[in-house]
Amino acid sequence: MRERRIGLAVWIKHPRLAKNLRKYGTIHYVSKRLNYVSMYVGEQEIDQVTRELERLNFVLKVERSHRHEIPTEYNNAKPDKQKEFDYQLEKNQLKAIAESLLIDLPSKNAANASS
């Protein structure tokens, strides 16, 4: 199983210094305009890496991402009534087409047999 990673936003003095952060984790994005680096670090080493990054002279601030704390599964979500109506309408239309095909088949078979 893959190691769980946590995101960090590292505010730096200049974007050229971003490549120095490669040894601390995986760099995801470097903003040249806002001077920050978005990077991922393993969950076990997050505290140690954060302390090391804060000690660097070109790092202004280190922020931890809280995205991993947000639940992504919603068990009590209300069903979408419009989608249910559309599914039911489609199901009724398919039934009507199937019934019309079944009704037409015996009449065609009888016409072919009499000829």
N, C-alpha and C. Protein backbone atom coordinates (compact mmCIF):
# COMPACT_ATOMS: atom_id res chain seq x y z
N MET A 1 0.83 -1.18 0.00
CA MET A 1 0.00 0.00 0.00
C MET A 1 0.88 1.24 0.00
N ARG A 2 0.42 2.27 -0.68
CA ARG A 2 1.20 3.50 -0.77
C ARG A 2 1.18 4.26 0.54
N GLU A 3 2.28 4.95 0.79
CA GLU A 3 2.40 5.75 2.00
C GLU A 3 1.46 6.95 1.92
N ARG A 4 0.79 7.25 3.01
CA ARG A 4 -0.11 8.39 3.05
C ARG A 4 0.72 9.67 3.10
N ARG A 5 0.37 10.64 2.27
CA ARG A 5 1.13 11.89 2.20
C ARG A 5 0.24 13.05 2.61
N ILE A 6 0.88 14.08 3.12
CA ILE A 6 0.18 15.29 3.54
C ILE A 6 0.77 16.46 2.78
N GLY A 7 -0.08 17.37 2.36
CA GLY A 7 0.36 18.52 1.59
C GLY A 7 0.88 19.64 2.46
N LEU A 8 1.84 20.35 1.94
CA LEU A 8 2.40 21.53 2.60
C LEU A 8 2.43 22.68 1.61
N ALA A 9 2.16 23.89 2.11
CA ALA A 9 2.37 25.11 1.33
C ALA A 9 3.55 25.81 1.97
N VAL A 10 4.62 25.98 1.21
CA VAL A 10 5.85 26.58 1.73
C VAL A 10 6.02 27.93 1.03
N TRP A 11 5.93 29.00 1.80
CA TRP A 11 6.11 30.34 1.26
C TRP A 11 7.60 30.67 1.27
N ILE A 12 8.11 31.07 0.09
CA ILE A 12 9.54 31.29 -0.06
C ILE A 12 9.81 32.72 -0.54
N LYS A 13 11.09 33.14 -0.46
CA LYS A 13 11.46 34.50 -0.85
C LYS A 13 11.54 34.68 -2.36
N HIS A 14 11.97 33.62 -3.06
CA HIS A 14 12.10 33.71 -4.52
C HIS A 14 11.86 32.33 -5.13
N PRO A 15 11.17 32.26 -6.28
CA PRO A 15 10.86 30.96 -6.88
C PRO A 15 12.08 30.13 -7.29
N ARG A 16 13.21 30.78 -7.56
CA ARG A 16 14.41 30.02 -7.93
C ARG A 16 14.88 29.11 -6.81
N LEU A 17 14.52 29.44 -5.59
CA LEU A 17 14.95 28.66 -4.44
C LEU A 17 14.09 27.40 -4.24
N ALA A 18 13.06 27.25 -5.04
CA ALA A 18 12.15 26.11 -4.87
C ALA A 18 12.84 24.78 -5.10
N LYS A 19 13.82 24.74 -6.00
CA LYS A 19 14.48 23.45 -6.27
C LYS A 19 15.27 22.94 -5.08
N ASN A 20 15.57 23.81 -4.12
CA ASN A 20 16.25 23.36 -2.91
C ASN A 20 15.34 22.53 -2.00
N LEU A 21 14.04 22.60 -2.24
CA LEU A 21 13.08 21.88 -1.40
C LEU A 21 12.84 20.45 -1.87
N ARG A 22 13.44 20.06 -3.00
CA ARG A 22 13.21 18.72 -3.54
C ARG A 22 13.63 17.60 -2.60
N LYS A 23 14.64 17.84 -1.79
CA LYS A 23 15.11 16.77 -0.91
C LYS A 23 14.19 16.55 0.30
N TYR A 24 13.22 17.44 0.53
CA TYR A 24 12.32 17.30 1.67
C TYR A 24 11.02 16.60 1.32
N GLY A 25 10.66 16.56 0.06
CA GLY A 25 9.42 15.92 -0.34
C GLY A 25 9.19 16.07 -1.84
N THR A 26 8.01 15.72 -2.28
CA THR A 26 7.65 15.79 -3.69
C THR A 26 7.02 17.15 -3.98
N ILE A 27 7.64 17.91 -4.87
CA ILE A 27 7.10 19.22 -5.23
C ILE A 27 6.00 19.01 -6.26
N HIS A 28 4.84 19.59 -5.97
CA HIS A 28 3.69 19.47 -6.86
C HIS A 28 3.55 20.70 -7.75
N TYR A 29 3.72 21.88 -7.19
CA TYR A 29 3.51 23.11 -7.94
C TYR A 29 4.37 24.22 -7.36
N VAL A 30 4.88 25.09 -8.22
CA VAL A 30 5.64 26.27 -7.80
C VAL A 30 4.95 27.50 -8.39
N SER A 31 4.51 28.40 -7.53
CA SER A 31 3.89 29.64 -7.98
C SER A 31 4.95 30.72 -8.06
N LYS A 32 5.19 31.20 -9.28
CA LYS A 32 6.21 32.23 -9.46
C LYS A 32 5.67 33.60 -9.07
N ARG A 33 4.38 33.79 -9.20
CA ARG A 33 3.79 35.10 -8.89
C ARG A 33 3.61 35.29 -7.40
N LEU A 34 3.12 34.24 -6.70
CA LEU A 34 2.84 34.36 -5.27
C LEU A 34 3.97 33.82 -4.39
N ASN A 35 5.01 33.26 -5.01
CA ASN A 35 6.20 32.77 -4.30
C ASN A 35 5.86 31.72 -3.24
N TYR A 36 5.20 30.66 -3.66
CA TYR A 36 4.99 29.54 -2.75
C TYR A 36 5.18 28.24 -3.50
N VAL A 37 5.42 27.18 -2.73
CA VAL A 37 5.60 25.85 -3.29
C VAL A 37 4.57 24.93 -2.64
N SER A 38 3.85 24.19 -3.46
CA SER A 38 2.93 23.18 -2.97
C SER A 38 3.66 21.84 -3.07
N MET A 39 3.79 21.15 -1.94
CA MET A 39 4.55 19.90 -1.94
C MET A 39 3.89 18.88 -1.04
N TYR A 40 4.27 17.61 -1.22
CA TYR A 40 3.75 16.51 -0.42
C TYR A 40 4.89 15.86 0.35
N VAL A 41 4.58 15.50 1.61
CA VAL A 41 5.55 14.87 2.50
C VAL A 41 4.87 13.67 3.14
N GLY A 42 5.62 12.62 3.42
CA GLY A 42 5.08 11.44 4.08
C GLY A 42 4.51 11.77 5.45
N GLU A 43 3.46 11.05 5.84
CA GLU A 43 2.76 11.35 7.09
C GLU A 43 3.65 11.17 8.32
N GLN A 44 4.53 10.18 8.32
CA GLN A 44 5.38 9.93 9.48
C GLN A 44 6.42 11.02 9.69
N GLU A 45 6.88 11.62 8.61
CA GLU A 45 7.98 12.59 8.73
C GLU A 45 7.52 14.03 8.62
N ILE A 46 6.23 14.29 8.69
CA ILE A 46 5.71 15.64 8.47
C ILE A 46 6.21 16.64 9.52
N ASP A 47 6.24 16.24 10.79
CA ASP A 47 6.67 17.17 11.84
C ASP A 47 8.15 17.52 11.72
N GLN A 48 8.96 16.52 11.46
CA GLN A 48 10.41 16.74 11.31
C GLN A 48 10.71 17.64 10.11
N VAL A 49 10.05 17.36 8.98
CA VAL A 49 10.30 18.14 7.77
C VAL A 49 9.82 19.58 7.96
N THR A 50 8.68 19.76 8.64
CA THR A 50 8.18 21.11 8.88
C THR A 50 9.17 21.92 9.70
N ARG A 51 9.73 21.31 10.74
CA ARG A 51 10.73 22.02 11.56
C ARG A 51 11.96 22.37 10.74
N GLU A 52 12.42 21.44 9.90
CA GLU A 52 13.61 21.71 9.07
C GLU A 52 13.34 22.82 8.06
N LEU A 53 12.15 22.81 7.47
CA LEU A 53 11.82 23.84 6.49
C LEU A 53 11.74 25.22 7.14
N GLU A 54 11.19 25.29 8.34
CA GLU A 54 11.07 26.58 9.01
C GLU A 54 12.43 27.16 9.38
N ARG A 55 13.45 26.32 9.53
CA ARG A 55 14.79 26.79 9.87
C ARG A 55 15.55 27.35 8.66
N LEU A 56 15.11 27.04 7.46
CA LEU A 56 15.81 27.53 6.26
C LEU A 56 15.62 29.03 6.14
N ASN A 57 16.67 29.73 5.72
CA ASN A 57 16.62 31.20 5.70
C ASN A 57 15.75 31.75 4.56
N PHE A 58 15.51 31.00 3.50
CA PHE A 58 14.69 31.50 2.40
C PHE A 58 13.22 31.14 2.54
N VAL A 59 12.84 30.42 3.60
CA VAL A 59 11.44 30.04 3.83
C VAL A 59 10.81 31.05 4.76
N LEU A 60 9.69 31.63 4.33
CA LEU A 60 8.99 32.61 5.15
C LEU A 60 7.98 31.95 6.10
N LYS A 61 7.23 30.97 5.57
CA LYS A 61 6.18 30.35 6.37
C LYS A 61 5.86 28.96 5.80
N VAL A 62 5.48 28.02 6.67
CA VAL A 62 5.09 26.68 6.24
C VAL A 62 3.68 26.42 6.76
N GLU A 63 2.77 26.06 5.87
CA GLU A 63 1.39 25.77 6.25
C GLU A 63 1.07 24.34 5.89
N ARG A 64 0.40 23.64 6.79
CA ARG A 64 0.00 22.26 6.57
C ARG A 64 -1.40 22.23 5.95
N SER A 65 -1.61 21.34 5.01
CA SER A 65 -2.91 21.17 4.38
C SER A 65 -3.83 20.37 5.30
N HIS A 66 -5.08 20.74 5.32
CA HIS A 66 -6.08 20.02 6.11
C HIS A 66 -7.04 19.24 5.22
N ARG A 67 -6.67 19.06 3.98
CA ARG A 67 -7.54 18.37 3.03
C ARG A 67 -7.78 16.92 3.43
N HIS A 68 -6.78 16.26 4.00
CA HIS A 68 -6.93 14.86 4.38
C HIS A 68 -7.91 14.69 5.55
N GLU A 69 -8.25 15.77 6.25
CA GLU A 69 -9.17 15.70 7.37
C GLU A 69 -10.62 15.85 6.94
N ILE A 70 -10.86 16.30 5.73
CA ILE A 70 -12.21 16.52 5.24
C ILE A 70 -12.79 15.19 4.75
N PRO A 71 -13.99 14.82 5.23
CA PRO A 71 -14.59 13.56 4.76
C PRO A 71 -15.02 13.68 3.30
N THR A 72 -14.80 12.62 2.53
CA THR A 72 -15.18 12.63 1.12
C THR A 72 -16.34 11.70 0.81
N GLU A 73 -16.78 10.92 1.80
CA GLU A 73 -17.92 10.04 1.62
C GLU A 73 -19.10 10.63 2.37
N TYR A 74 -20.21 10.76 1.68
CA TYR A 74 -21.39 11.36 2.27
C TYR A 74 -22.51 10.32 2.31
N ASN A 75 -22.74 9.75 3.48
CA ASN A 75 -23.72 8.69 3.63
C ASN A 75 -25.15 9.21 3.70
N ASN A 76 -25.36 10.38 4.25
CA ASN A 76 -26.70 10.89 4.45
C ASN A 76 -27.11 11.90 3.39
N ALA A 77 -26.57 11.79 2.21
CA ALA A 77 -26.90 12.72 1.15
C ALA A 77 -28.32 12.49 0.67
N LYS A 78 -29.04 13.56 0.42
CA LYS A 78 -30.42 13.46 -0.05
C LYS A 78 -30.40 13.04 -1.52
N PRO A 79 -31.30 12.14 -1.91
CA PRO A 79 -31.34 11.74 -3.32
C PRO A 79 -31.85 12.89 -4.19
N ASP A 80 -31.36 12.93 -5.41
CA ASP A 80 -31.76 13.96 -6.36
C ASP A 80 -33.07 13.54 -7.01
N LYS A 81 -34.15 14.25 -6.71
CA LYS A 81 -35.48 13.87 -7.20
C LYS A 81 -35.58 14.02 -8.71
N GLN A 82 -34.91 15.00 -9.28
CA GLN A 82 -34.95 15.18 -10.73
C GLN A 82 -34.32 14.01 -11.45
N LYS A 83 -33.17 13.51 -10.93
CA LYS A 83 -32.53 12.35 -11.55
C LYS A 83 -33.42 11.13 -11.44
N GLU A 84 -34.05 10.94 -10.26
CA GLU A 84 -34.94 9.79 -10.09
C GLU A 84 -36.09 9.85 -11.08
N PHE A 85 -36.64 11.06 -11.30
CA PHE A 85 -37.74 11.23 -12.25
C PHE A 85 -37.26 10.88 -13.66
N ASP A 86 -36.07 11.36 -14.04
CA ASP A 86 -35.52 11.08 -15.37
C ASP A 86 -35.28 9.58 -15.57
N TYR A 87 -34.75 8.90 -14.53
CA TYR A 87 -34.52 7.46 -14.63
C TYR A 87 -35.84 6.71 -14.80
N GLN A 88 -36.86 7.13 -14.05
CA GLN A 88 -38.16 6.46 -14.13
C GLN A 88 -38.78 6.70 -15.50
N LEU A 89 -38.66 7.91 -16.03
CA LEU A 89 -39.20 8.24 -17.35
C LEU A 89 -38.50 7.41 -18.43
N GLU A 90 -37.19 7.31 -18.35
CA GLU A 90 -36.42 6.52 -19.31
C GLU A 90 -36.81 5.04 -19.23
N LYS A 91 -36.99 4.55 -18.03
CA LYS A 91 -37.36 3.16 -17.83
C LYS A 91 -38.74 2.88 -18.44
N ASN A 92 -39.68 3.80 -18.25
CA ASN A 92 -41.03 3.64 -18.82
C ASN A 92 -40.98 3.68 -20.35
N GLN A 93 -40.15 4.55 -20.90
CA GLN A 93 -40.03 4.63 -22.36
C GLN A 93 -39.44 3.34 -22.93
N LEU A 94 -38.44 2.78 -22.25
CA LEU A 94 -37.85 1.53 -22.72
C LEU A 94 -38.86 0.38 -22.64
N LYS A 95 -39.68 0.36 -21.59
CA LYS A 95 -40.72 -0.66 -21.48
C LYS A 95 -41.72 -0.54 -22.62
N ALA A 96 -42.12 0.70 -22.94
CA ALA A 96 -43.09 0.92 -24.01
C ALA A 96 -42.52 0.47 -25.36
N ILE A 97 -41.25 0.75 -25.61
CA ILE A 97 -40.62 0.32 -26.87
C ILE A 97 -40.54 -1.20 -26.93
N ALA A 98 -40.16 -1.83 -25.82
CA ALA A 98 -40.07 -3.29 -25.79
C ALA A 98 -41.43 -3.93 -26.00
N GLU A 99 -42.47 -3.37 -25.40
CA GLU A 99 -43.82 -3.92 -25.57
C GLU A 99 -44.30 -3.75 -27.00
N SER A 100 -43.99 -2.61 -27.62
CA SER A 100 -44.42 -2.40 -29.01
C SER A 100 -43.69 -3.36 -29.95
N LEU A 101 -42.43 -3.66 -29.66
CA LEU A 101 -41.70 -4.62 -30.48
C LEU A 101 -42.26 -6.02 -30.32
N LEU A 102 -42.65 -6.38 -29.11
CA LEU A 102 -43.22 -7.69 -28.85
C LEU A 102 -44.58 -7.84 -29.51
N ILE A 103 -45.36 -6.78 -29.57
CA ILE A 103 -46.68 -6.82 -30.20
C ILE A 103 -46.52 -6.94 -31.72
N ASP A 104 -45.55 -6.25 -32.29
CA ASP A 104 -45.34 -6.26 -33.74
C ASP A 104 -44.78 -7.60 -34.22
N LEU A 105 -44.03 -8.32 -33.41
CA LEU A 105 -43.42 -9.57 -33.84
C LEU A 105 -44.43 -10.63 -34.25
N PRO A 106 -45.46 -10.93 -33.46
CA PRO A 106 -46.40 -11.96 -33.88
C PRO A 106 -47.14 -11.60 -35.17
N SER A 107 -47.50 -10.34 -35.37
CA SER A 107 -48.21 -9.96 -36.60
C SER A 107 -47.30 -10.12 -37.81
N LYS A 108 -46.01 -9.83 -37.69
CA LYS A 108 -45.08 -10.00 -38.82
C LYS A 108 -44.86 -11.48 -39.10
N ASN A 109 -44.76 -12.29 -38.04
CA ASN A 109 -44.56 -13.72 -38.23
C ASN A 109 -45.75 -14.36 -38.90
N ALA A 110 -46.96 -13.89 -38.58
CA ALA A 110 -48.17 -14.42 -39.20
C ALA A 110 -48.23 -14.01 -40.67
N ALA A 111 -47.80 -12.80 -40.99
CA ALA A 111 -47.83 -12.33 -42.37
C ALA A 111 -46.81 -13.11 -43.21
N ASN A 112 -45.64 -13.43 -42.64
CA ASN A 112 -44.63 -14.19 -43.35
C ASN A 112 -45.07 -15.63 -43.56
N ALA A 113 -45.80 -16.21 -42.63
CA ALA A 113 -46.24 -17.59 -42.73
C ALA A 113 -47.33 -17.75 -43.77
N SER A 114 -48.20 -16.75 -43.94
CA SER A 114 -49.28 -16.86 -44.91
C SER A 114 -48.81 -16.63 -46.33
N SER A 115 -47.67 -16.02 -46.55
CA SER A 115 -47.21 -15.77 -47.90
C SER A 115 -46.49 -16.92 -48.48
